[in-house]
Amino acid sequence: MKKFLALMLFFALLPVAAGAQDGMKKVYDEQVNQLTQIDQAVKQAKADGKYVVCQVGGNWCPWCLRFADFITKDAEIAKLVKDNFVYIHVDYSPKSFKEDPARKERSEKMMKRLGNPGRFGYPVFVVLDGKGKVLHTQDSSFLEEGKGYSKDKVVRFFKNWTPKAVRGE
C-alpha cells in the first residue's frame, strides 16, 4: 500500500515539476514582427541616448525566462537596465516555422541583421547602438552560475556596455 501511495504521489507531482518554467512569466511575443520590434527599439534608444539589448530566445527556453525573471526581481540590475537600455525580448521559435513560412523568413532576416547570434545558444544578448549597429553579442553561458545567473557577472556585463562605458566616460 505504501508503494502504491508513493507512486500516486509521484505521478500527481510530475506535472508540477514538468511545468516548472510555466510559473515564470512568458516574455516573448511570438506574434510580433521582430524586425519592426528592433527598429522601434533602436528609434527609442536613439531618442533617449541609450542602447538596445535584444534578448534573443523564446518562451520555449527555460534559461530565457529565468534570465528575464532574474533581472526584473533584482532592483540594482533592473535600475541599471532601465537607465541605460531599451530592453527587448526578440522571439526566435523555429518550431513555428512549419506553420508560418513568413515568420521563418522574418526570423532568418532578423538573425542575419543581428549577426547570427544563435550560434551561442539561448538566450543570447545583442547590444545595438542608437543607429542599430551591433556592438556586442553576449553568450549567456558566461553569465550563469549553478542553476541560475551570477549577479556579479550580469552587472558587469550591463555596466561594460552602457553608452557611457563604450564612449569611455
Foldseek 3Di string as FASTA:
>chain_A
DVVVVVVVVCVVCVVVVVCVLVVFDWAEDLPDQLVVVLVVQLQVCLVLVAKEKEFEEGSVDSQSSQVVVVQVVDPVSVCLCVNHYDYGYRYDDVVCCVVPVVSVVSNVVVCVLQVNLCVLPGGKIFIAHSVSDTDDIHRCVQQDDDPHGDPVSSVVVSVCPGSCNVVPD
